[in-house]
Amino acid sequence: MTNTVALIIGIVLLMGMATDYFANDGAALYFLTRKFLDLVEWVSFWR
């Protein structure tokens, strides 16, 4: 992965997060964060 591709991906992610924050008050990001933390907890249980 080149620096240019990494920068573009980072900008797209930040734009998506900003759009969610302004359009939905961050509800989608909050939902995904909660599900990710549940997944981490579930995976650590099997470790």
Protein backbone atom coordinates (compact mmCIF):
# COMPACT_ATOMS: atom_id res chain seq x y z
CA MET A 1 0.00 0.00 0.00
CA THR A 2 1.44 3.32 -1.00
CA ASN A 3 1.21 6.50 1.02
CA THR A 4 -1.24 7.96 -1.47
CA VAL A 5 -3.64 5.04 -1.16
CA ALA A 6 -3.40 5.12 2.63
CA LEU A 7 -4.12 8.84 2.65
CA ILE A 8 -7.15 8.43 0.40
CA ILE A 9 -8.54 5.62 2.57
CA GLY A 10 -7.99 7.72 5.69
CA ILE A 11 -9.74 10.73 4.17
CA VAL A 12 -12.69 8.60 3.06
CA LEU A 13 -13.02 7.12 6.56
CA LEU A 14 -12.88 10.54 8.20
CA MET A 15 -15.46 11.89 5.75
CA GLY A 16 -17.76 8.96 6.54
CA MET A 17 -17.37 9.53 10.27
CA ALA A 18 -18.08 13.25 9.88
CA THR A 19 -21.13 12.55 7.73
CA ASP A 20 -22.49 10.12 10.32
CA TYR A 21 -21.85 12.60 13.11
CA PHE A 22 -23.67 15.46 11.38
CA ALA A 23 -26.48 13.40 9.81
CA ASN A 24 -27.23 10.86 12.56
CA ASP A 25 -25.56 12.33 15.66
CA GLY A 26 -23.02 9.50 15.49
CA ALA A 27 -25.58 6.71 15.94
CA ALA A 28 -24.08 4.41 13.30
CA LEU A 29 -20.54 4.87 14.59
CA TYR A 30 -21.73 4.21 18.15
CA PHE A 31 -23.53 1.05 16.99
CA LEU A 32 -20.46 -0.24 15.14
CA THR A 33 -18.21 0.53 18.10
CA ARG A 34 -20.48 -1.39 20.48
CA LYS A 35 -20.62 -4.38 18.13
CA PHE A 36 -16.84 -4.33 17.67
CA LEU A 37 -16.31 -4.32 21.43
CA ASP A 38 -18.75 -7.24 21.77
CA LEU A 39 -16.77 -9.11 19.11
CA VAL A 40 -13.47 -8.43 20.89
CA GLU A 41 -14.95 -9.68 24.15
CA TRP A 42 -16.31 -12.81 22.44
CA VAL A 43 -12.99 -13.55 20.73
CA SER A 44 -11.03 -13.03 23.94
CA PHE A 45 -13.29 -15.55 25.63
CA TRP A 46 -12.15 -18.22 23.16
CA ARG A 47 -8.49 -17.40 23.60
